[in-house]
């Protein structure tokens, strides 16, 4: 099973998107799924493979944060 965490596009240079995951920033190729700054995307093998609605992305990130909180 794979858990895909949405990342927010914060920069684009050519076909490379810079994504913000909150605790870290990563880069992914967006040539297969063009994206814009501000959008949330899912990445697999450093390739953007899907876009996620902002409302769904925020809800997903909240659930992930709640699940990983130390008790």
N, C-alpha and C. Protein backbone atom coordinates (compact mmCIF):
# COMPACT_ATOMS: atom_id res chain seq x y z
N UNK A 1 0.84 -1.18 0.00
CA UNK A 1 0.00 0.00 0.00
C UNK A 1 0.88 1.24 0.00
N UNK A 2 0.43 2.24 -0.70
CA UNK A 2 1.19 3.48 -0.81
C UNK A 2 0.33 4.64 -0.31
N UNK A 3 0.93 5.50 0.47
CA UNK A 3 0.24 6.69 0.95
C UNK A 3 0.79 7.89 0.19
N UNK A 4 -0.05 8.54 -0.58
CA UNK A 4 0.38 9.71 -1.34
C UNK A 4 -0.05 10.97 -0.60
N UNK A 5 0.92 11.79 -0.26
CA UNK A 5 0.66 13.04 0.45
C UNK A 5 0.68 14.17 -0.57
N UNK A 6 -0.36 14.98 -0.62
CA UNK A 6 -0.37 16.08 -1.58
C UNK A 6 0.67 17.14 -1.23
N UNK A 7 1.29 17.67 -2.27
CA UNK A 7 2.24 18.76 -2.09
C UNK A 7 1.73 19.99 -2.82
N UNK A 8 2.04 21.16 -2.28
CA UNK A 8 1.60 22.42 -2.90
C UNK A 8 2.70 22.95 -3.80
N UNK A 9 2.35 23.26 -5.03
CA UNK A 9 3.32 23.80 -5.99
C UNK A 9 3.64 25.23 -5.58
N UNK A 10 4.94 25.48 -5.30
CA UNK A 10 5.35 26.82 -4.90
C UNK A 10 6.30 27.47 -5.91
N UNK A 11 6.69 26.70 -6.91
CA UNK A 11 7.55 27.26 -7.95
C UNK A 11 7.61 26.33 -9.14
N UNK A 12 7.86 26.91 -10.31
CA UNK A 12 8.00 26.13 -11.53
C UNK A 12 9.12 26.73 -12.35
N UNK A 13 10.02 25.85 -12.80
CA UNK A 13 11.10 26.27 -13.67
C UNK A 13 11.20 25.23 -14.78
N UNK A 14 10.80 25.61 -15.98
CA UNK A 14 10.75 24.64 -17.07
C UNK A 14 9.71 23.58 -16.77
N UNK A 15 10.13 22.32 -16.77
CA UNK A 15 9.24 21.20 -16.46
C UNK A 15 9.41 20.71 -15.03
N UNK A 16 10.07 21.50 -14.19
CA UNK A 16 10.30 21.10 -12.81
C UNK A 16 9.50 21.97 -11.85
N UNK A 17 8.68 21.29 -11.04
CA UNK A 17 7.88 21.99 -10.03
C UNK A 17 8.54 21.82 -8.67
N UNK A 18 8.58 22.88 -7.89
CA UNK A 18 9.03 22.80 -6.50
C UNK A 18 7.78 22.68 -5.65
N UNK A 19 7.75 21.65 -4.80
CA UNK A 19 6.59 21.35 -3.99
C UNK A 19 6.89 21.54 -2.52
N UNK A 20 5.92 22.08 -1.81
CA UNK A 20 6.03 22.28 -0.36
C UNK A 20 5.17 21.23 0.32
N UNK A 21 5.82 20.42 1.15
CA UNK A 21 5.11 19.40 1.92
C UNK A 21 5.00 19.79 3.39
N UNK A 22 5.23 21.05 3.69
CA UNK A 22 5.15 21.52 5.07
C UNK A 22 6.47 21.37 5.79
N UNK A 23 6.90 20.14 5.98
CA UNK A 23 8.15 19.90 6.70
C UNK A 23 9.36 19.87 5.76
N UNK A 24 9.12 19.78 4.46
CA UNK A 24 10.22 19.76 3.50
C UNK A 24 9.74 20.20 2.13
N UNK A 25 10.70 20.54 1.29
CA UNK A 25 10.41 20.92 -0.09
C UNK A 25 11.12 19.93 -1.01
N UNK A 26 10.44 19.57 -2.09
CA UNK A 26 11.01 18.63 -3.05
C UNK A 26 10.69 19.11 -4.46
N UNK A 27 11.39 18.51 -5.43
CA UNK A 27 11.14 18.83 -6.82
C UNK A 27 10.57 17.62 -7.54
N UNK A 28 9.74 17.88 -8.55
CA UNK A 28 9.15 16.82 -9.35
C UNK A 28 8.96 17.30 -10.78
N UNK A 29 9.05 16.37 -11.71
CA UNK A 29 8.85 16.67 -13.12
C UNK A 29 7.35 16.81 -13.39
N UNK A 30 6.98 17.90 -14.03
CA UNK A 30 5.56 18.14 -14.31
C UNK A 30 5.27 18.15 -15.81
N UNK A 31 6.11 17.45 -16.59
CA UNK A 31 5.89 17.43 -18.04
C UNK A 31 4.68 16.58 -18.44
N UNK A 32 4.33 15.57 -17.65
CA UNK A 32 3.17 14.73 -17.96
C UNK A 32 1.86 15.34 -17.48
N UNK A 33 1.93 16.12 -16.41
CA UNK A 33 0.74 16.72 -15.81
C UNK A 33 1.08 18.19 -15.49
N UNK A 34 0.97 19.07 -16.48
CA UNK A 34 1.30 20.47 -16.24
C UNK A 34 0.51 21.03 -15.05
N UNK A 35 1.19 21.82 -14.24
CA UNK A 35 0.54 22.38 -13.05
C UNK A 35 0.91 23.85 -12.90
N UNK A 36 0.21 24.51 -12.00
CA UNK A 36 0.42 25.93 -11.76
C UNK A 36 0.75 26.16 -10.29
N UNK A 37 1.42 27.27 -10.02
CA UNK A 37 1.73 27.64 -8.64
C UNK A 37 0.42 27.76 -7.86
N UNK A 38 0.42 27.18 -6.67
CA UNK A 38 -0.76 27.21 -5.81
C UNK A 38 -1.59 25.94 -5.86
N UNK A 39 -1.40 25.12 -6.89
CA UNK A 39 -2.15 23.87 -6.99
C UNK A 39 -1.53 22.80 -6.09
N UNK A 40 -2.35 21.82 -5.70
CA UNK A 40 -1.87 20.67 -4.95
C UNK A 40 -1.78 19.49 -5.90
N UNK A 41 -0.70 18.71 -5.79
CA UNK A 41 -0.48 17.60 -6.70
C UNK A 41 -0.01 16.36 -5.94
N UNK A 42 -0.14 15.21 -6.61
CA UNK A 42 0.36 13.94 -6.10
C UNK A 42 1.55 13.55 -6.98
N UNK A 43 2.61 13.06 -6.35
CA UNK A 43 3.83 12.71 -7.05
C UNK A 43 4.14 11.23 -6.85
N UNK A 44 4.62 10.59 -7.91
CA UNK A 44 5.12 9.22 -7.83
C UNK A 44 6.41 9.16 -8.64
N UNK A 45 7.45 8.64 -8.04
CA UNK A 45 8.75 8.53 -8.71
C UNK A 45 9.22 9.88 -9.28
N UNK A 46 9.03 10.91 -8.50
CA UNK A 46 9.44 12.28 -8.86
C UNK A 46 8.72 12.83 -10.10
N UNK A 47 7.54 12.27 -10.40
CA UNK A 47 6.72 12.76 -11.51
C UNK A 47 5.35 13.16 -10.96
N UNK A 48 4.88 14.34 -11.33
CA UNK A 48 3.52 14.75 -10.96
C UNK A 48 2.56 13.87 -11.75
N UNK A 49 1.68 13.15 -11.03
CA UNK A 49 0.77 12.22 -11.71
C UNK A 49 -0.70 12.61 -11.60
N UNK A 50 -1.01 13.55 -10.70
CA UNK A 50 -2.41 13.94 -10.55
C UNK A 50 -2.50 15.26 -9.80
N UNK A 51 -3.60 15.96 -10.02
CA UNK A 51 -3.89 17.18 -9.27
C UNK A 51 -4.95 16.86 -8.24
N UNK A 52 -4.93 17.59 -7.13
CA UNK A 52 -5.89 17.37 -6.05
C UNK A 52 -6.58 18.69 -5.75
N UNK A 53 -7.89 18.66 -5.62
CA UNK A 53 -8.65 19.83 -5.23
C UNK A 53 -8.11 20.37 -3.90
N UNK A 54 -7.99 21.68 -3.78
CA UNK A 54 -7.42 22.29 -2.57
C UNK A 54 -8.15 21.86 -1.30
N UNK A 55 -9.46 21.83 -1.34
CA UNK A 55 -10.25 21.45 -0.16
C UNK A 55 -9.92 20.02 0.27
N UNK A 56 -9.84 19.11 -0.71
CA UNK A 56 -9.49 17.71 -0.42
C UNK A 56 -8.06 17.60 0.09
N UNK A 57 -7.15 18.36 -0.51
CA UNK A 57 -5.75 18.31 -0.10
C UNK A 57 -5.58 18.78 1.34
N UNK A 58 -6.23 19.88 1.70
CA UNK A 58 -6.13 20.40 3.07
C UNK A 58 -6.71 19.41 4.06
N UNK A 59 -7.85 18.80 3.72
CA UNK A 59 -8.46 17.79 4.61
C UNK A 59 -7.55 16.58 4.76
N UNK A 60 -6.95 16.14 3.67
CA UNK A 60 -6.04 15.00 3.70
C UNK A 60 -4.81 15.30 4.55
N UNK A 61 -4.25 16.49 4.40
CA UNK A 61 -3.07 16.88 5.18
C UNK A 61 -3.39 16.97 6.67
N UNK A 62 -4.60 17.43 6.99
CA UNK A 62 -5.01 17.50 8.39
C UNK A 62 -5.13 16.09 8.98
N UNK A 63 -5.76 15.18 8.24
CA UNK A 63 -5.90 13.80 8.72
C UNK A 63 -4.53 13.15 8.93
N UNK A 64 -3.62 13.39 7.98
CA UNK A 64 -2.27 12.83 8.09
C UNK A 64 -1.56 13.40 9.32
N UNK A 65 -1.68 14.71 9.54
CA UNK A 65 -1.05 15.35 10.70
C UNK A 65 -1.62 14.80 12.00
N UNK A 66 -2.94 14.64 12.05
CA UNK A 66 -3.58 14.11 13.26
C UNK A 66 -3.12 12.67 13.53
N UNK A 67 -2.97 11.88 12.46
CA UNK A 67 -2.59 10.47 12.61
C UNK A 67 -1.13 10.30 13.05
N UNK A 68 -0.30 11.29 12.74
CA UNK A 68 1.12 11.16 13.07
C UNK A 68 1.52 11.92 14.33
N UNK A 69 0.56 12.56 15.00
CA UNK A 69 0.87 13.27 16.23
C UNK A 69 1.31 12.30 17.30
N UNK A 70 2.32 12.67 18.04
CA UNK A 70 2.79 11.84 19.15
C UNK A 70 1.84 12.02 20.32
N UNK A 71 1.50 10.91 20.93
CA UNK A 71 0.57 10.94 22.06
C UNK A 71 1.29 10.74 23.35
